[in-house]
Amino acid sequence: MTKRTKIDARGAHCPGPLMELIAGLRLVGKGDEIEILSNDKGSLKDIPIWVQKAGHALGSIEELQEYYSIVVEKVKT
C-alpha cells in the first residue's frame, strides 16, 4: 500500500523545500509518495528537475491559493 507523507515547507526559500524533500525521501520506502507544500515559486522548476535527475517520479504539481503542492514518488532506494 502506498503511503503519502506531507512536508510543509511553506515559508522556506529556495533551496529549502528541495532540501526538505531530499531528506524526506530518505525516510520513506520505495513506492511511497511525498507531498511537499511550498510557496516558493522556484520549487516549480527546481524540484521537477532534481526528481528527474535523481530517478524518482513526479506525480503532480498543483497551484493552490497561496502555495503549491508537489507530489513525488520514490522510485529508487
PDB file of N, CA and C in Angstrom:
ATOM      1  N   MET A   1       0.837  -1.184   0.000  1.00  0.00           N
ATOM      2  CA  MET A   1       0.000   0.000   0.000  1.00  0.00           C
ATOM      3  C   MET A   1       0.884   1.249   0.000  1.00  0.00           C
ATOM      4  N   THR A   2       0.567   2.175  -0.875  1.00  0.00           N
ATOM      5  CA  THR A   2       1.342   3.415  -0.977  1.00  0.00           C
ATOM      6  C   THR A   2       1.043   4.314   0.212  1.00  0.00           C
ATOM      7  N   LYS A   3       2.112   4.808   0.795  1.00  0.00           N
ATOM      8  CA  LYS A   3       1.991   5.742   1.917  1.00  0.00           C
ATOM      9  C   LYS A   3       2.345   7.134   1.403  1.00  0.00           C
ATOM     10  N   ARG A   4       1.612   8.148   1.847  1.00  0.00           N
ATOM     11  CA  ARG A   4       1.922   9.529   1.461  1.00  0.00           C
ATOM     12  C   ARG A   4       2.293  10.329   2.700  1.00  0.00           C
ATOM     13  N   THR A   5       3.447  10.971   2.627  1.00  0.00           N
ATOM     14  CA  THR A   5       3.933  11.835   3.697  1.00  0.00           C
ATOM     15  C   THR A   5       3.834  13.269   3.218  1.00  0.00           C
ATOM     16  N   LYS A   6       3.370  14.154   4.082  1.00  0.00           N
ATOM     17  CA  LYS A   6       3.243  15.572   3.726  1.00  0.00           C
ATOM     18  C   LYS A   6       4.338  16.359   4.440  1.00  0.00           C
ATOM     19  N   ILE A   7       5.053  17.194   3.682  1.00  0.00           N
ATOM     20  CA  ILE A   7       6.073  18.079   4.238  1.00  0.00           C
ATOM     21  C   ILE A   7       5.636  19.513   3.956  1.00  0.00           C
ATOM     22  N   ASP A   8       5.473  20.276   5.012  1.00  0.00           N
ATOM     23  CA  ASP A   8       5.071  21.674   4.865  1.00  0.00           C
ATOM     24  C   ASP A   8       6.320  22.549   4.870  1.00  0.00           C
ATOM     25  N   ALA A   9       6.739  22.966   3.684  1.00  0.00           N
ATOM     26  CA  ALA A   9       7.937  23.803   3.540  1.00  0.00           C
ATOM     27  C   ALA A   9       7.557  25.244   3.199  1.00  0.00           C
ATOM     28  N   ARG A  10       6.295  25.602   3.455  1.00  0.00           N
ATOM     29  CA  ARG A  10       5.876  26.976   3.189  1.00  0.00           C
ATOM     30  C   ARG A  10       6.665  27.918   4.090  1.00  0.00           C
ATOM     31  N   GLY A  11       7.144  28.988   3.512  1.00  0.00           N
ATOM     32  CA  GLY A  11       7.950  29.952   4.251  1.00  0.00           C
ATOM     33  C   GLY A  11       9.443  29.738   4.050  1.00  0.00           C
ATOM     34  N   ALA A  12       9.831  28.551   3.573  1.00  0.00           N
ATOM     35  CA  ALA A  12      11.243  28.267   3.296  1.00  0.00           C
ATOM     36  C   ALA A  12      11.580  28.768   1.897  1.00  0.00           C
ATOM     37  N   HIS A  13      12.730  29.392   1.770  1.00  0.00           N
ATOM     38  CA  HIS A  13      13.157  29.895   0.462  1.00  0.00           C
ATOM     39  C   HIS A  13      14.072  28.884  -0.204  1.00  0.00           C
ATOM     40  N   CYS A  14      14.142  28.956  -1.509  1.00  0.00           N
ATOM     41  CA  CYS A  14      14.966  28.072  -2.318  1.00  0.00           C
ATOM     42  C   CYS A  14      16.409  28.075  -1.799  1.00  0.00           C
ATOM     43  N   PRO A  15      17.053  26.958  -1.616  1.00  0.00           N
ATOM     44  CA  PRO A  15      16.646  25.597  -1.970  1.00  0.00           C
ATOM     45  C   PRO A  15      16.017  24.824  -0.814  1.00  0.00           C
ATOM     46  N   GLY A  16      15.475  25.514   0.200  1.00  0.00           N
ATOM     47  CA  GLY A  16      14.911  24.857   1.374  1.00  0.00           C
ATOM     48  C   GLY A  16      13.896  23.761   1.083  1.00  0.00           C
ATOM     49  N   PRO A  17      12.844  24.036   0.282  1.00  0.00           N
ATOM     50  CA  PRO A  17      11.867  22.985   0.000  1.00  0.00           C
ATOM     51  C   PRO A  17      12.488  21.752  -0.664  1.00  0.00           C
ATOM     52  N   LEU A  18      13.425  21.955  -1.565  1.00  0.00           N
ATOM     53  CA  LEU A  18      14.098  20.832  -2.214  1.00  0.00           C
ATOM     54  C   LEU A  18      14.910  20.037  -1.199  1.00  0.00           C
ATOM     55  N   MET A  19      15.604  20.718  -0.306  1.00  0.00           N
ATOM     56  CA  MET A  19      16.398  20.022   0.713  1.00  0.00           C
ATOM     57  C   MET A  19      15.490  19.217   1.651  1.00  0.00           C
ATOM     58  N   GLU A  20      14.321  19.776   1.979  1.00  0.00           N
ATOM     59  CA  GLU A  20      13.374  19.048   2.830  1.00  0.00           C
ATOM     60  C   GLU A  20      12.825  17.816   2.102  1.00  0.00           C
ATOM     61  N   LEU A  21      12.594  17.947   0.802  1.00  0.00           N
ATOM     62  CA  LEU A  21      12.139  16.803   0.009  1.00  0.00           C
ATOM     63  C   LEU A  21      13.198  15.700   0.004  1.00  0.00           C
ATOM     64  N   ILE A  22      14.435  16.062  -0.241  1.00  0.00           N
ATOM     65  CA  ILE A  22      15.530  15.080  -0.285  1.00  0.00           C
ATOM     66  C   ILE A  22      15.639  14.360   1.056  1.00  0.00           C
ATOM     67  N   ALA A  23      15.574  15.108   2.147  1.00  0.00           N
ATOM     68  CA  ALA A  23      15.644  14.492   3.479  1.00  0.00           C
ATOM     69  C   ALA A  23      14.454  13.562   3.698  1.00  0.00           C
ATOM     70  N   GLY A  24      13.282  13.980   3.268  1.00  0.00           N
ATOM     71  CA  GLY A  24      12.080  13.162   3.432  1.00  0.00           C
ATOM     72  C   GLY A  24      12.130  11.872   2.643  1.00  0.00           C
ATOM     73  N   LEU A  25      12.692  11.924   1.443  1.00  0.00           N
ATOM     74  CA  LEU A  25      12.789  10.718   0.616  1.00  0.00           C
ATOM     75  C   LEU A  25      13.667   9.659   1.267  1.00  0.00           C
ATOM     76  N   ARG A  26      14.607  10.066   2.090  1.00  0.00           N
ATOM     77  CA  ARG A  26      15.469   9.107   2.784  1.00  0.00           C
ATOM     78  C   ARG A  26      14.699   8.323   3.841  1.00  0.00           C
ATOM     79  N   LEU A  27      13.562   8.854   4.267  1.00  0.00           N
ATOM     80  CA  LEU A  27      12.802   8.259   5.361  1.00  0.00           C
ATOM     81  C   LEU A  27      11.621   7.401   4.921  1.00  0.00           C
ATOM     82  N   VAL A  28      11.305   7.414   3.636  1.00  0.00           N
ATOM     83  CA  VAL A  28      10.160   6.643   3.155  1.00  0.00           C
ATOM     84  C   VAL A  28      10.628   5.482   2.284  1.00  0.00           C
ATOM     85  N   GLY A  29       9.722   4.542   2.056  1.00  0.00           N
ATOM     86  CA  GLY A  29      10.054   3.367   1.274  1.00  0.00           C
ATOM     87  C   GLY A  29       9.796   3.552  -0.209  1.00  0.00           C
ATOM     88  N   LYS A  30      10.363   2.656  -0.990  1.00  0.00           N
ATOM     89  CA  LYS A  30      10.168   2.659  -2.436  1.00  0.00           C
ATOM     90  C   LYS A  30       8.673   2.524  -2.731  1.00  0.00           C
ATOM     91  N   GLY A  31       8.173   3.361  -3.632  1.00  0.00           N
ATOM     92  CA  GLY A  31       6.761   3.359  -3.984  1.00  0.00           C
ATOM     93  C   GLY A  31       5.927   4.337  -3.170  1.00  0.00           C
ATOM     94  N   ASP A  32       6.488   4.847  -2.068  1.00  0.00           N
ATOM     95  CA  ASP A  32       5.772   5.827  -1.255  1.00  0.00           C
ATOM     96  C   ASP A  32       5.857   7.210  -1.901  1.00  0.00           C
ATOM     97  N   GLU A  33       4.958   8.082  -1.489  1.00  0.00           N
ATOM     98  CA  GLU A  33       4.907   9.429  -2.044  1.00  0.00           C
ATOM     99  C   GLU A  33       5.156  10.474  -0.962  1.00  0.00           C
ATOM    100  N   ILE A  34       5.718  11.577  -1.406  1.00  0.00           N
ATOM    101  CA  ILE A  34       5.865  12.743  -0.541  1.00  0.00           C
ATOM    102  C   ILE A  34       5.154  13.902  -1.234  1.00  0.00           C
ATOM    103  N   GLU A  35       4.311  14.568  -0.466  1.00  0.00           N
ATOM    104  CA  GLU A  35       3.665  15.789  -0.952  1.00  0.00           C
ATOM    105  C   GLU A  35       4.355  16.942  -0.247  1.00  0.00           C
ATOM    106  N   ILE A  36       4.986  17.794  -1.014  1.00  0.00           N
ATOM    107  CA  ILE A  36       5.675  18.942  -0.432  1.00  0.00           C
ATOM    108  C   ILE A  36       4.873  20.200  -0.727  1.00  0.00           C
ATOM    109  N   LEU A  37       4.624  20.968   0.317  1.00  0.00           N
ATOM    110  CA  LEU A  37       3.903  22.228   0.182  1.00  0.00           C
ATOM    111  C   LEU A  37       4.921  23.347   0.215  1.00  0.00           C
ATOM    112  N   SER A  38       4.866  24.215  -0.781  1.00  0.00           N
ATOM    113  CA  SER A  38       5.843  25.296  -0.889  1.00  0.00           C
ATOM    114  C   SER A  38       5.184  26.536  -1.476  1.00  0.00           C
ATOM    115  N   ASN A  39       5.558  27.684  -0.957  1.00  0.00           N
ATOM    116  CA  ASN A  39       5.090  28.933  -1.569  1.00  0.00           C
ATOM    117  C   ASN A  39       6.251  29.634  -2.282  1.00  0.00           C
ATOM    118  N   ASP A  40       7.351  28.924  -2.479  1.00  0.00           N
ATOM    119  CA  ASP A  40       8.494  29.451  -3.216  1.00  0.00           C
ATOM    120  C   ASP A  40       8.355  29.044  -4.685  1.00  0.00           C
ATOM    121  N   LYS A  41       8.177  30.016  -5.547  1.00  0.00           N
ATOM    122  CA  LYS A  41       7.956  29.751  -6.971  1.00  0.00           C
ATOM    123  C   LYS A  41       9.105  28.960  -7.602  1.00  0.00           C
ATOM    124  N   GLY A  42      10.331  29.102  -7.069  1.00  0.00           N
ATOM    125  CA  GLY A  42      11.480  28.366  -7.584  1.00  0.00           C
ATOM    126  C   GLY A  42      11.315  26.858  -7.470  1.00  0.00           C
ATOM    127  N   SER A  43      10.482  26.413  -6.520  1.00  0.00           N
ATOM    128  CA  SER A  43      10.237  24.978  -6.343  1.00  0.00           C
ATOM    129  C   SER A  43       9.591  24.365  -7.581  1.00  0.00           C
ATOM    130  N   LEU A  44       8.821  25.164  -8.304  1.00  0.00           N
ATOM    131  CA  LEU A  44       8.146  24.653  -9.501  1.00  0.00           C
ATOM    132  C   LEU A  44       9.132  24.224 -10.571  1.00  0.00           C
ATOM    133  N   LYS A  45      10.304  24.811 -10.549  1.00  0.00           N
ATOM    134  CA  LYS A  45      11.350  24.469 -11.517  1.00  0.00           C
ATOM    135  C   LYS A  45      12.367  23.507 -10.911  1.00  0.00           C
ATOM    136  N   ASP A  46      12.848  23.833  -9.712  1.00  0.00           N
ATOM    137  CA  ASP A  46      13.938  23.070  -9.095  1.00  0.00           C
ATOM    138  C   ASP A  46      13.560  21.632  -8.760  1.00  0.00           C
ATOM    139  N   ILE A  47      12.389  21.454  -8.171  1.00  0.00           N
ATOM    140  CA  ILE A  47      12.008  20.103  -7.735  1.00  0.00           C
ATOM    141  C   ILE A  47      11.824  19.158  -8.921  1.00  0.00           C
ATOM    142  N   PRO A  48      11.058  19.515  -9.964  1.00  0.00           N
ATOM    143  CA  PRO A  48      10.934  18.580 -11.100  1.00  0.00           C
ATOM    144  C   PRO A  48      12.276  18.234 -11.763  1.00  0.00           C
ATOM    145  N   ILE A  49      13.174  19.207 -11.868  1.00  0.00           N
ATOM    146  CA  ILE A  49      14.486  18.931 -12.468  1.00  0.00           C
ATOM    147  C   ILE A  49      15.255  17.940 -11.612  1.00  0.00           C
ATOM    148  N   TRP A  50      15.284  18.153 -10.291  1.00  0.00           N
ATOM    149  CA  TRP A  50      16.007  17.247  -9.399  1.00  0.00           C
ATOM    150  C   TRP A  50      15.373  15.861  -9.408  1.00  0.00           C
ATOM    151  N   VAL A  51      14.033  15.787  -9.376  1.00  0.00           N
ATOM    152  CA  VAL A  51      13.334  14.497  -9.360  1.00  0.00           C
ATOM    153  C   VAL A  51      13.719  13.672 -10.585  1.00  0.00           C
ATOM    154  N   GLN A  52      13.757  14.306 -11.739  1.00  0.00           N
ATOM    155  CA  GLN A  52      14.133  13.595 -12.968  1.00  0.00           C
ATOM    156  C   GLN A  52      15.583  13.118 -12.899  1.00  0.00           C
ATOM    157  N   LYS A  53      16.490  13.978 -12.470  1.00  0.00           N
ATOM    158  CA  LYS A  53      17.905  13.607 -12.380  1.00  0.00           C
ATOM    159  C   LYS A  53      18.132  12.483 -11.377  1.00  0.00           C
ATOM    160  N   ALA A  54      17.369  12.497 -10.276  1.00  0.00           N
ATOM    161  CA  ALA A  54      17.546  11.506  -9.214  1.00  0.00           C
ATOM    162  C   ALA A  54      16.860  10.177  -9.528  1.00  0.00           C
ATOM    163  N   GLY A  55      16.028  10.160 -10.556  1.00  0.00           N
ATOM    164  CA  GLY A  55      15.389   8.912 -10.966  1.00  0.00           C
ATOM    165  C   GLY A  55      14.093   8.591 -10.240  1.00  0.00           C
ATOM    166  N   HIS A  56      13.470   9.604  -9.646  1.00  0.00           N
ATOM    167  CA  HIS A  56      12.173   9.403  -8.999  1.00  0.00           C
ATOM    168  C   HIS A  56      11.077   9.840  -9.975  1.00  0.00           C
ATOM    169  N   ALA A  57       9.820   9.815  -9.535  1.00  0.00           N
ATOM    170  CA  ALA A  57       8.713  10.155 -10.430  1.00  0.00           C
ATOM    171  C   ALA A  57       7.944  11.354  -9.885  1.00  0.00           C
ATOM    172  N   LEU A  58       7.668  12.289 -10.765  1.00  0.00           N
ATOM    173  CA  LEU A  58       6.864  13.453 -10.405  1.00  0.00           C
ATOM    174  C   LEU A  58       5.404  13.062 -10.561  1.00  0.00           C
ATOM    175  N   GLY A  59       4.660  13.112  -9.453  1.00  0.00           N
ATOM    176  CA  GLY A  59       3.249  12.724  -9.505  1.00  0.00           C
ATOM    177  C   GLY A  59       2.375  13.852 -10.014  1.00  0.00           C
ATOM    178  N   SER A  60       2.438  14.990  -9.342  1.00  0.00           N
ATOM    179  CA  SER A  60       1.588  16.116  -9.746  1.00  0.00           C
ATOM    180  C   SER A  60       2.140  17.415  -9.178  1.00  0.00           C
ATOM    181  N   ILE A  61       1.741  18.486  -9.832  1.00  0.00           N
ATOM    182  CA  ILE A  61       2.015  19.840  -9.334  1.00  0.00           C
ATOM    183  C   ILE A  61       0.681  20.569  -9.389  1.00  0.00           C
ATOM    184  N   GLU A  62       0.282  21.091  -8.242  1.00  0.00           N
ATOM    185  CA  GLU A  62      -0.996  21.785  -8.170  1.00  0.00           C
ATOM    186  C   GLU A  62      -0.788  23.157  -7.550  1.00  0.00           C
ATOM    187  N   GLU A  63      -1.328  24.176  -8.217  1.00  0.00           N
ATOM    188  CA  GLU A  63      -1.256  25.526  -7.670  1.00  0.00           C
ATOM    189  C   GLU A  63      -2.515  25.765  -6.851  1.00  0.00           C
ATOM    190  N   LEU A  64      -2.336  25.953  -5.561  1.00  0.00           N
ATOM    191  CA  LEU A  64      -3.465  26.199  -4.673  1.00  0.00           C
ATOM    192  C   LEU A  64      -3.541  27.702  -4.409  1.00  0.00           C
ATOM    193  N   GLN A  65      -4.267  28.137  -3.407  1.00  0.00           N
ATOM    194  CA  GLN A  65      -4.490  29.573  -3.233  1.00  0.00           C
ATOM    195  C   GLN A  65      -3.217  30.371  -3.019  1.00  0.00           C
ATOM    196  N   GLU A  66      -2.390  29.982  -2.073  1.00  0.00           N
ATOM    197  CA  GLU A  66      -1.189  30.773  -1.798  1.00  0.00           C
ATOM    198  C   GLU A  66       0.074  29.935  -1.776  1.00  0.00           C
ATOM    199  N   TYR A  67      -0.018  28.705  -2.277  1.00  0.00           N
ATOM    200  CA  TYR A  67       1.142  27.825  -2.291  1.00  0.00           C
ATOM    201  C   TYR A  67       0.961  26.732  -3.336  1.00  0.00           C
ATOM    202  N   TYR A  68       1.983  25.918  -3.488  1.00  0.00           N
ATOM    203  CA  TYR A  68       1.976  24.828  -4.457  1.00  0.00           C
ATOM    204  C   TYR A  68       2.062  23.497  -3.721  1.00  0.00           C
ATOM    205  N   SER A  69       1.420  22.487  -4.287  1.00  0.00           N
ATOM    206  CA  SER A  69       1.510  21.120  -3.788  1.00  0.00           C
ATOM    207  C   SER A  69       2.221  20.310  -4.868  1.00  0.00           C
ATOM    208  N   ILE A  70       3.343  19.717  -4.503  1.00  0.00           N
ATOM    209  CA  ILE A  70       4.129  18.927  -5.457  1.00  0.00           C
ATOM    210  C   ILE A  70       4.255  17.515  -4.883  1.00  0.00           C
ATOM    211  N   VAL A  71       3.801  16.530  -5.650  1.00  0.00           N
ATOM    212  CA  VAL A  71       3.836  15.139  -5.205  1.00  0.00           C
ATOM    213  C   VAL A  71       4.934  14.400  -5.955  1.00  0.00           C
ATOM    214  N   VAL A  72       5.773  13.695  -5.184  1.00  0.00           N
ATOM    215  CA  VAL A  72       6.895  12.942  -5.747  1.00  0.00           C
ATOM    216  C   VAL A  72       6.811  11.501  -5.246  1.00  0.00           C
ATOM    217  N   GLU A  73       6.971  10.556  -6.157  1.00  0.00           N
ATOM    218  CA  GLU A  73       7.008   9.140  -5.784  1.00  0.00           C
ATOM    219  C   GLU A  73       8.463   8.665  -5.730  1.00  0.00           C
ATOM    220  N   LYS A  74       8.799   7.991  -4.644  1.00  0.00           N
ATOM    221  CA  LYS A  74      10.157   7.435  -4.512  1.00  0.00           C
ATOM    222  C   LYS A  74      10.214   6.173  -5.369  1.00  0.00           C
ATOM    223  N   VAL A  75      11.061   6.199  -6.380  1.00  0.00           N
ATOM    224  CA  VAL A  75      11.183   5.086  -7.299  1.00  0.00           C
ATOM    225  C   VAL A  75      12.447   4.268  -7.005  1.00  0.00           C
ATOM    226  N   LYS A  76      13.498   4.958  -6.613  1.00  0.00           N
ATOM    227  CA  LYS A  76      14.786   4.290  -6.338  1.00  0.00           C
ATOM    228  C   LYS A  76      15.009   4.216  -4.832  1.00  0.00           C
ATOM    229  N   THR A  77      15.766   3.213  -4.418  1.00  0.00           N
ATOM    230  CA  THR A  77      16.083   3.100  -2.996  1.00  0.00           C
ATOM    231  C   THR A  77      17.374   3.824  -2.678  1.00  0.00           C
TER     232      THR A  77
END
